[in-house]
Amino acid sequence: MFVLSKPLYEVLYENLKEDITSGVYKEGDRVPSEKELSKQYDVSRITTKKALELLAGEGLIIRHPGRGSFVKISSDNEVENEGTIEKNVHAAPLIGLVITDFDDSYGTALISSIEKCTAEQSCFLVLRRSFGMPDLEEKAIRELVDLGVDGLIIFPSQGEYFSEEILKLVLNKFPLVLVDRHLKGISTASVSTDNVEAARIGTEYLLELGHRHIGILTPPPSDTTALEDRIEGFIQAHAEKGVIVDRELWINSITSTLPNSYRPPNIKRDIDKIKNHLIEHPEITALFAAEYYIALMTKEAIRELGLRVPEDISIICFDSPPTHIGEFQLTYLAQDQEKMGRKVFELLMKLQNKNDQDIQPKRVLLDASLVIGNSTAPVSIKK
């Protein structure tokens, strides 16, 4: 029962201390979380946080970020109870992965690589898909943190802002690694392809084939750093070759490839948009698609216009699923998903194993490789 003459957090602290010393909570037991105590005693999270901090400061409990708080094991019982706290939580590190979605063109190999790393290190991996929806992303993050994960790998939804839950994790120094994105102006660990350099290499290849009227096709960039970087690389390649960039040849409003939007009516609308663009700009000899499915729609738009790939228009893109011998293969920039998965896991383990003051968030950029297929050709063979 609360005594109103004392601050609420102090009363809560004394109640919990009594429960610990009387054996309600035994050595190694988990004590209720801030959220659980807040609901149980009808007080604020600030109050419960201060009470738990007092208990930790007195050495009665040990707090594990992302896991919970546990009654400290006395030195006399350390050997007998060795590992009790860990067993009360989970026997091995638990890693959460939040990704928009995945398929053979991008994502499957990345997840496979991360899963392989967790298996080799006796960790457990819990996967949640957000389908590019911010509310589902935030829900997944909250659920995984409540589950007690030791760290999070997040492939953020495309959009104009990062979710509040991601920002909370950063501010609380929770072990976190972003994939394919980075937070502007905030020091956060991330692993992605060097999209600027990859796009520069791809564009340079088209320019070396003699193309001078190249369009770029992207979803709305809207502060999505990967797309912004690809556009930057496209521009850099033109500047290095002394070729003027014609922004009239661009389309940056392809929306059917956005998460949860890849439906027949949306696809048809974007194919028609590309067709009309090519009719309005007959000078275009090559198109750089920022994503694989945009390249597929581009190929269909060219076919419906009675033109040919690559004889009339060349296509290059990012990513492509494996193809069988003899199948048409797009020219594309292959991201090293296997290496990306390993780097993500290694970086997360370093962040998770170090003390807060030692954590140095790091941005890792990986090279992409140009895979030459059947969708590009020199301008000289065009009619």
Protein backbone atom coordinates (compact mmCIF):
# COMPACT_ATOMS: atom_id res chain seq x y z
CA MET A 1 0.00 0.00 0.00
CA PHE A 2 1.39 3.41 -0.97
CA VAL A 3 2.43 5.91 1.68
CA LEU A 4 1.71 9.34 0.24
CA SER A 5 4.35 11.10 2.34
CA LYS A 6 7.04 9.56 0.11
CA PRO A 7 7.63 9.85 -3.63
CA LEU A 8 5.87 7.09 -5.55
CA TYR A 9 9.10 5.72 -7.02
CA GLU A 10 10.59 5.38 -3.52
CA VAL A 11 7.52 3.53 -2.25
CA LEU A 12 7.61 1.23 -5.27
CA TYR A 13 11.33 0.66 -4.72
CA GLU A 14 10.72 -0.34 -1.08
CA ASN A 15 7.88 -2.69 -2.07
CA LEU A 16 10.04 -4.43 -4.64
CA LYS A 17 12.98 -4.58 -2.24
CA GLU A 18 10.76 -6.26 0.33
CA ASP A 19 9.58 -8.77 -2.27
CA ILE A 20 13.22 -9.59 -3.10
CA THR A 21 14.48 -9.89 0.49
CA SER A 22 11.44 -11.95 1.55
CA GLY A 23 11.92 -14.39 -1.31
CA VAL A 24 8.92 -13.50 -3.46
CA TYR A 25 11.52 -12.99 -6.18
CA LYS A 26 14.40 -15.43 -5.79
CA GLU A 27 17.94 -15.12 -7.09
CA GLY A 28 17.94 -15.18 -10.89
CA ASP A 29 14.21 -14.51 -11.13
CA ARG A 30 12.94 -11.89 -13.52
CA VAL A 31 11.20 -8.96 -11.85
CA PRO A 32 8.32 -7.16 -13.61
CA SER A 33 9.29 -4.73 -16.37
CA GLU A 34 8.74 -0.97 -16.31
CA LYS A 35 5.64 -1.45 -18.43
CA GLU A 36 4.27 -4.26 -16.25
CA LEU A 37 4.89 -2.33 -13.02
CA SER A 38 3.32 0.78 -14.50
CA LYS A 39 0.14 -1.15 -15.24
CA GLN A 40 0.18 -3.07 -11.93
CA TYR A 41 0.60 -0.01 -9.70
CA ASP A 42 -1.10 2.52 -12.00
CA VAL A 43 1.93 4.81 -12.08
CA SER A 44 4.00 6.34 -14.89
CA ARG A 45 6.89 4.62 -16.65
CA ILE A 46 9.18 7.31 -15.24
CA THR A 47 8.24 6.21 -11.73
CA THR A 48 8.85 2.52 -12.41
CA LYS A 49 12.11 3.28 -14.20
CA LYS A 50 13.46 5.22 -11.22
CA ALA A 51 12.43 2.46 -8.81
CA LEU A 52 14.25 -0.18 -10.85
CA GLU A 53 17.30 2.06 -11.16
CA LEU A 54 17.43 2.37 -7.36
CA LEU A 55 17.31 -1.42 -7.02
CA ALA A 56 20.06 -1.79 -9.60
CA GLY A 57 22.15 0.90 -7.93
CA GLU A 58 21.90 -0.99 -4.64
CA GLY A 59 23.01 -4.19 -6.37
CA LEU A 60 19.75 -6.06 -5.81
CA ILE A 61 18.95 -6.53 -9.49
CA ILE A 62 20.80 -6.64 -12.80
CA ARG A 63 19.24 -4.90 -15.79
CA HIS A 64 19.73 -6.37 -19.27
CA PRO A 65 18.56 -3.98 -22.04
CA GLY A 66 16.06 -5.75 -24.25
CA ARG A 67 15.77 -8.72 -21.83
CA GLY A 68 14.55 -7.38 -18.52
CA SER A 69 15.67 -7.05 -14.89
CA PHE A 70 16.74 -10.00 -12.75
CA VAL A 71 17.46 -10.54 -9.05
CA LYS A 72 21.21 -10.62 -8.62
CA ILE A 73 22.79 -13.93 -7.63
CA SER A 74 24.90 -13.67 -4.47
CA SER A 75 28.59 -14.55 -4.63
CA ASP A 76 27.98 -17.59 -2.39
CA ASN A 77 25.58 -19.02 -4.97
CA GLU A 78 27.31 -17.96 -8.17
CA VAL A 79 28.79 -21.38 -8.93
CA GLU A 80 25.62 -23.25 -7.97
CA ASN A 81 23.40 -20.88 -9.94
CA GLU A 82 25.74 -20.14 -12.84
CA GLY A 83 23.72 -19.30 -15.94
CA THR A 84 20.38 -19.13 -14.10
CA ILE A 85 19.57 -15.65 -15.34
CA GLU A 86 20.41 -16.58 -18.90
CA LYS A 87 18.22 -19.68 -18.72
CA ASN A 88 15.33 -17.61 -17.38
CA VAL A 89 15.51 -15.49 -20.53
CA HIS A 90 16.75 -17.68 -23.37
CA ALA A 91 19.69 -20.02 -23.79
CA ALA A 92 21.28 -18.12 -26.68
CA PRO A 93 21.22 -14.59 -28.12
CA LEU A 94 17.94 -13.74 -29.80
CA ILE A 95 18.12 -11.54 -32.91
CA GLY A 96 15.12 -9.76 -34.43
CA LEU A 97 14.90 -9.03 -38.17
CA VAL A 98 12.34 -6.59 -39.58
CA ILE A 99 12.24 -6.45 -43.39
CA THR A 100 9.74 -4.94 -45.81
CA ASP A 101 9.49 -8.11 -47.93
CA PHE A 102 11.75 -10.37 -49.95
CA ASP A 103 11.89 -12.49 -53.10
CA ASP A 104 14.47 -14.02 -55.41
CA SER A 105 15.43 -10.67 -56.93
CA TYR A 106 16.42 -9.20 -53.56
CA GLY A 107 16.13 -10.26 -49.95
CA THR A 108 16.09 -14.05 -50.00
CA ALA A 109 19.88 -14.36 -50.22
CA LEU A 110 20.32 -11.67 -47.56
CA ILE A 111 18.04 -13.45 -45.09
CA SER A 112 19.73 -16.77 -45.88
CA SER A 113 23.12 -15.25 -45.07
CA ILE A 114 21.92 -13.78 -41.77
CA GLU A 115 20.25 -17.06 -40.80
CA LYS A 116 23.45 -18.95 -41.58
CA CYS A 117 25.45 -16.61 -39.33
CA THR A 118 23.00 -16.98 -36.46
CA ALA A 119 23.10 -20.76 -36.77
CA GLU A 120 26.90 -20.80 -36.74
CA GLN A 121 26.95 -18.66 -33.59
CA SER A 122 24.13 -20.59 -31.87
CA CYS A 123 21.78 -17.60 -32.02
CA PHE A 124 18.07 -17.56 -32.76
CA LEU A 125 16.52 -15.39 -35.48
CA VAL A 126 12.96 -14.03 -35.38
CA LEU A 127 11.67 -12.56 -38.66
CA ARG A 128 8.86 -10.04 -39.13
CA ARG A 129 7.73 -8.46 -42.41
CA SER A 130 6.42 -4.90 -42.50
CA PHE A 131 5.33 -4.91 -46.18
CA GLY A 132 6.56 -1.33 -46.31
CA MET A 133 3.86 -0.13 -43.92
CA PRO A 134 5.16 2.16 -41.13
CA ASP A 135 2.53 1.05 -38.62
CA LEU A 136 3.40 -2.63 -39.13
CA GLU A 137 7.09 -1.79 -38.86
CA GLU A 138 6.60 0.00 -35.55
CA LYS A 139 4.42 -2.83 -34.23
CA ALA A 140 7.03 -5.43 -35.21
CA ILE A 141 9.81 -3.49 -33.48
CA ARG A 142 7.79 -3.11 -30.27
CA GLU A 143 6.86 -6.79 -30.23
CA LEU A 144 10.43 -7.92 -30.77
CA VAL A 145 11.77 -5.63 -28.04
CA ASP A 146 9.06 -6.86 -25.66
CA LEU A 147 10.02 -10.42 -26.60
CA GLY A 148 13.50 -9.67 -25.26
CA VAL A 149 15.66 -9.68 -28.38
CA ASP A 150 19.33 -8.87 -27.83
CA GLY A 151 19.58 -6.84 -31.01
CA LEU A 152 17.63 -5.77 -34.09
CA ILE A 153 18.34 -5.78 -37.82
CA ILE A 154 15.93 -3.47 -39.64
CA PHE A 155 15.31 -2.93 -43.35
CA PRO A 156 13.28 0.30 -43.00
CA SER A 157 10.14 0.98 -45.01
CA GLN A 158 10.50 3.33 -47.93
CA GLY A 159 9.11 6.69 -47.00
CA GLU A 160 9.83 10.24 -46.03
CA TYR A 161 10.81 9.52 -42.43
CA PHE A 162 12.12 6.87 -40.10
CA SER A 163 9.65 5.51 -37.61
CA GLU A 164 9.51 6.79 -34.06
CA GLU A 165 10.39 3.30 -32.83
CA ILE A 166 13.69 3.32 -34.74
CA LEU A 167 14.57 6.73 -33.35
CA LYS A 168 13.80 5.47 -29.83
CA LEU A 169 16.17 2.54 -30.33
CA VAL A 170 18.93 4.90 -31.49
CA LEU A 171 18.47 7.29 -28.57
CA ASN A 172 18.42 4.37 -26.10
CA LYS A 173 21.58 2.92 -27.68
CA PHE A 174 19.82 -0.37 -28.29
CA PRO A 175 21.93 -2.74 -30.47
CA LEU A 176 20.62 -1.93 -33.94
CA VAL A 177 21.86 -2.22 -37.52
CA LEU A 178 19.99 -0.77 -40.49
CA VAL A 179 20.11 -2.48 -43.88
CA ASP A 180 20.12 -0.55 -47.19
CA ARG A 181 19.38 2.77 -45.43
CA HIS A 182 21.08 5.21 -43.11
CA LEU A 183 19.75 7.96 -40.86
CA LYS A 184 20.83 11.38 -42.05
CA GLY A 185 22.55 13.38 -39.34
CA ILE A 186 22.31 10.60 -36.74
CA SER A 187 25.08 8.16 -35.92
CA THR A 188 23.55 4.76 -36.57
CA ALA A 189 25.12 1.47 -37.61
CA SER A 190 24.15 0.50 -41.16
CA VAL A 191 25.22 -1.82 -43.95
CA SER A 192 24.33 -1.21 -47.57
CA THR A 193 25.63 -1.36 -51.10
CA ASP A 194 27.65 1.66 -52.20
CA ASN A 195 24.72 2.77 -54.33
CA VAL A 196 26.45 5.89 -55.61
CA GLU A 197 29.39 3.91 -56.97
CA ALA A 198 27.22 1.07 -58.27
CA ALA A 199 24.97 3.43 -60.23
CA ARG A 200 28.03 5.30 -61.50
CA ILE A 201 29.52 2.04 -62.85
CA GLY A 202 26.26 1.02 -64.50
CA THR A 203 25.74 4.42 -66.13
CA GLU A 204 29.38 4.56 -67.23
CA TYR A 205 28.90 1.21 -68.98
CA LEU A 206 25.95 2.61 -70.97
CA LEU A 207 27.92 5.74 -71.85
CA GLU A 208 30.84 3.61 -73.05
CA LEU A 209 28.40 1.78 -75.34
CA GLY A 210 27.72 5.15 -76.96
CA HIS A 211 24.42 6.04 -75.30
CA ARG A 212 23.95 9.76 -74.74
CA HIS A 213 20.20 9.97 -74.15
CA ILE A 214 19.66 7.82 -71.07
CA GLY A 215 16.55 7.92 -68.93
CA ILE A 216 16.42 6.83 -65.30
CA LEU A 217 13.29 5.24 -63.84
CA THR A 218 12.70 5.27 -60.07
CA PRO A 219 9.97 5.32 -57.44
CA PRO A 220 9.58 8.69 -55.70
CA PRO A 221 12.96 9.17 -53.90
CA SER A 222 11.34 11.00 -50.93
CA ASP A 223 14.33 10.81 -48.58
CA THR A 224 14.94 7.14 -49.34
CA THR A 225 18.71 7.21 -49.17
CA ALA A 226 19.32 4.20 -51.44
CA LEU A 227 17.37 5.80 -54.30
CA GLU A 228 18.93 9.22 -53.71
CA ASP A 229 22.38 7.63 -53.88
CA ARG A 230 21.57 5.80 -57.13
CA ILE A 231 20.44 9.04 -58.74
CA GLU A 232 23.64 10.72 -57.50
CA GLY A 233 25.78 7.99 -59.09
CA PHE A 234 23.86 8.36 -62.36
CA ILE A 235 24.63 12.10 -62.37
CA GLN A 236 28.29 11.58 -61.43
CA ALA A 237 28.91 9.24 -64.37
CA HIS A 238 27.53 11.81 -66.80
CA ALA A 239 29.69 14.54 -65.29
CA GLU A 240 32.84 12.40 -65.50
CA LYS A 241 32.20 11.69 -69.19
CA GLY A 242 31.29 15.28 -69.97
CA VAL A 243 27.74 14.36 -70.96
CA ILE A 244 24.89 16.69 -70.06
CA VAL A 245 22.19 15.11 -67.91
CA ASP A 246 18.75 15.60 -69.43
CA ARG A 247 16.25 15.41 -66.57
CA GLU A 248 13.38 15.50 -69.05
CA LEU A 249 14.26 11.87 -69.80
CA TRP A 250 13.65 10.79 -66.18
CA ILE A 251 10.60 9.25 -64.59
CA ASN A 252 10.65 9.35 -60.77
CA SER A 253 7.02 8.44 -60.17
CA ILE A 254 6.93 4.65 -60.59
CA THR A 255 4.79 3.51 -57.66
CA SER A 256 3.63 -0.05 -58.44
CA THR A 257 6.89 -1.50 -57.07
CA LEU A 258 6.45 0.11 -53.69
CA PRO A 259 5.63 -2.39 -50.93
CA ASN A 260 2.02 -3.56 -50.99
CA SER A 261 1.41 -1.88 -54.40
CA TYR A 262 2.51 -4.53 -56.91
CA ARG A 263 -0.94 -5.23 -58.34
CA PRO A 264 -2.08 -5.64 -61.99
CA PRO A 265 -3.91 -2.25 -62.24
CA ASN A 266 -0.91 -0.38 -60.80
CA ILE A 267 1.53 -2.29 -62.99
CA LYS A 268 -0.54 -1.55 -66.11
CA ARG A 269 -0.64 2.14 -65.19
CA ASP A 270 3.15 2.31 -64.85
CA ILE A 271 3.74 0.39 -68.10
CA ASP A 272 1.52 2.90 -69.90
CA LYS A 273 3.43 5.73 -68.22
CA ILE A 274 6.72 4.35 -69.56
CA LYS A 275 5.21 3.85 -73.04
CA ASN A 276 3.96 7.44 -73.19
CA HIS A 277 7.35 8.66 -71.97
CA LEU A 278 9.14 6.81 -74.77
CA ILE A 279 6.70 8.17 -77.35
CA GLU A 280 7.31 11.71 -76.07
CA HIS A 281 11.08 11.18 -76.05
CA PRO A 282 12.03 9.08 -79.11
CA GLU A 283 15.65 10.15 -78.64
CA ILE A 284 16.03 7.79 -75.65
CA THR A 285 18.37 4.89 -76.45
CA ALA A 286 18.82 3.43 -72.95
CA LEU A 287 16.97 3.27 -69.66
CA PHE A 288 18.42 2.74 -66.18
CA ALA A 289 15.82 1.11 -63.91
CA ALA A 290 16.50 1.62 -60.20
CA GLU A 291 14.83 -1.73 -59.40
CA TYR A 292 14.39 -5.12 -61.07
CA TYR A 293 10.59 -5.00 -61.39
CA ILE A 294 10.79 -1.55 -62.98
CA ALA A 295 13.11 -3.12 -65.57
CA LEU A 296 10.52 -5.82 -66.28
CA MET A 297 7.81 -3.21 -66.82
CA THR A 298 10.18 -1.25 -69.05
CA LYS A 299 10.84 -4.34 -71.19
CA GLU A 300 7.09 -4.89 -71.55
CA ALA A 301 6.47 -1.23 -72.46
CA ILE A 302 9.12 -1.44 -75.18
CA ARG A 303 7.59 -4.66 -76.52
CA GLU A 304 4.09 -3.14 -76.64
CA LEU A 305 5.47 -0.24 -78.69
CA GLY A 306 6.79 -2.70 -81.26
CA LEU A 307 10.41 -1.99 -80.32
CA ARG A 308 13.15 -4.41 -79.30
CA VAL A 309 15.56 -4.82 -76.40
CA PRO A 310 18.46 -4.15 -76.86
CA GLU A 311 18.38 -3.37 -80.58
CA ASP A 312 16.21 -0.26 -80.11
CA ILE A 313 16.52 0.48 -76.40
CA SER A 314 18.98 -0.92 -73.86
CA ILE A 315 17.98 -1.62 -70.25
CA ILE A 316 20.10 -1.88 -67.12
CA CYS A 317 18.85 -2.29 -63.55
CA PHE A 318 19.69 -3.17 -59.95
CA ASP A 319 19.31 -6.82 -58.92
CA SER A 320 17.94 -9.80 -60.77
CA PRO A 321 16.88 -13.31 -59.72
CA PRO A 322 18.91 -16.30 -60.92
CA THR A 323 18.13 -17.36 -64.48
CA HIS A 324 18.38 -20.72 -66.23
CA ILE A 325 20.75 -21.37 -69.10
CA GLY A 326 19.38 -19.90 -72.30
CA GLU A 327 16.90 -17.53 -70.66
CA PHE A 328 16.91 -13.81 -71.36
CA GLN A 329 19.15 -12.13 -68.79
CA LEU A 330 18.96 -8.45 -67.97
CA THR A 331 22.19 -6.50 -67.54
CA TYR A 332 22.19 -5.63 -63.87
CA LEU A 333 24.15 -4.53 -60.83
CA ALA A 334 24.39 -7.40 -58.38
CA GLN A 335 24.42 -6.52 -54.71
CA ASP A 336 26.53 -8.88 -52.58
CA GLN A 337 23.71 -10.05 -50.33
CA GLU A 338 25.71 -12.89 -48.83
CA LYS A 339 28.46 -10.51 -47.69
CA MET A 340 25.88 -7.96 -46.61
CA GLY A 341 24.22 -10.51 -44.32
CA ARG A 342 27.56 -11.43 -42.74
CA LYS A 343 28.56 -7.80 -42.19
CA VAL A 344 25.18 -6.99 -40.66
CA PHE A 345 25.47 -9.86 -38.20
CA GLU A 346 29.11 -9.15 -37.32
CA LEU A 347 28.38 -5.49 -36.69
CA LEU A 348 25.33 -6.27 -34.56
CA MET A 349 27.33 -8.72 -32.42
CA LYS A 350 30.00 -6.08 -31.81
CA LEU A 351 27.37 -3.55 -30.77
CA GLN A 352 25.59 -6.09 -28.56
CA ASN A 353 28.73 -7.29 -26.79
CA LYS A 354 30.25 -3.91 -25.95
CA ASN A 355 29.41 -1.50 -23.15
CA ASP A 356 27.36 1.54 -24.17
CA GLN A 357 30.29 3.91 -23.92
CA ASP A 358 32.34 1.74 -26.28
CA ILE A 359 29.77 1.47 -29.03
CA GLN A 360 30.81 3.28 -32.19
CA PRO A 361 28.02 3.06 -34.81
CA LYS A 362 29.54 2.41 -38.21
CA ARG A 363 28.31 2.80 -41.76
CA VAL A 364 29.54 -0.03 -44.00
CA LEU A 365 29.38 0.28 -47.80
CA LEU A 366 29.82 -2.76 -50.03
CA ASP A 367 30.73 -3.00 -53.70
CA ALA A 368 28.28 -4.19 -56.33
CA SER A 369 29.30 -6.02 -59.49
CA LEU A 370 28.13 -5.41 -63.05
CA VAL A 371 26.61 -8.51 -64.67
CA ILE A 372 26.32 -8.08 -68.44
CA GLY A 373 23.29 -9.76 -69.93
CA ASN A 374 21.17 -9.57 -73.09
CA SER A 375 19.47 -6.24 -72.46
CA THR A 376 22.29 -3.85 -73.41
CA ALA A 377 24.07 -3.20 -76.71
CA PRO A 378 26.07 -0.45 -78.43
CA VAL A 379 24.14 2.36 -80.06
CA SER A 380 25.83 1.57 -83.37
CA ILE A 381 23.66 -1.52 -84.03
CA LYS A 382 20.40 0.38 -83.67
CA LYS A 383 18.32 1.08 -86.75
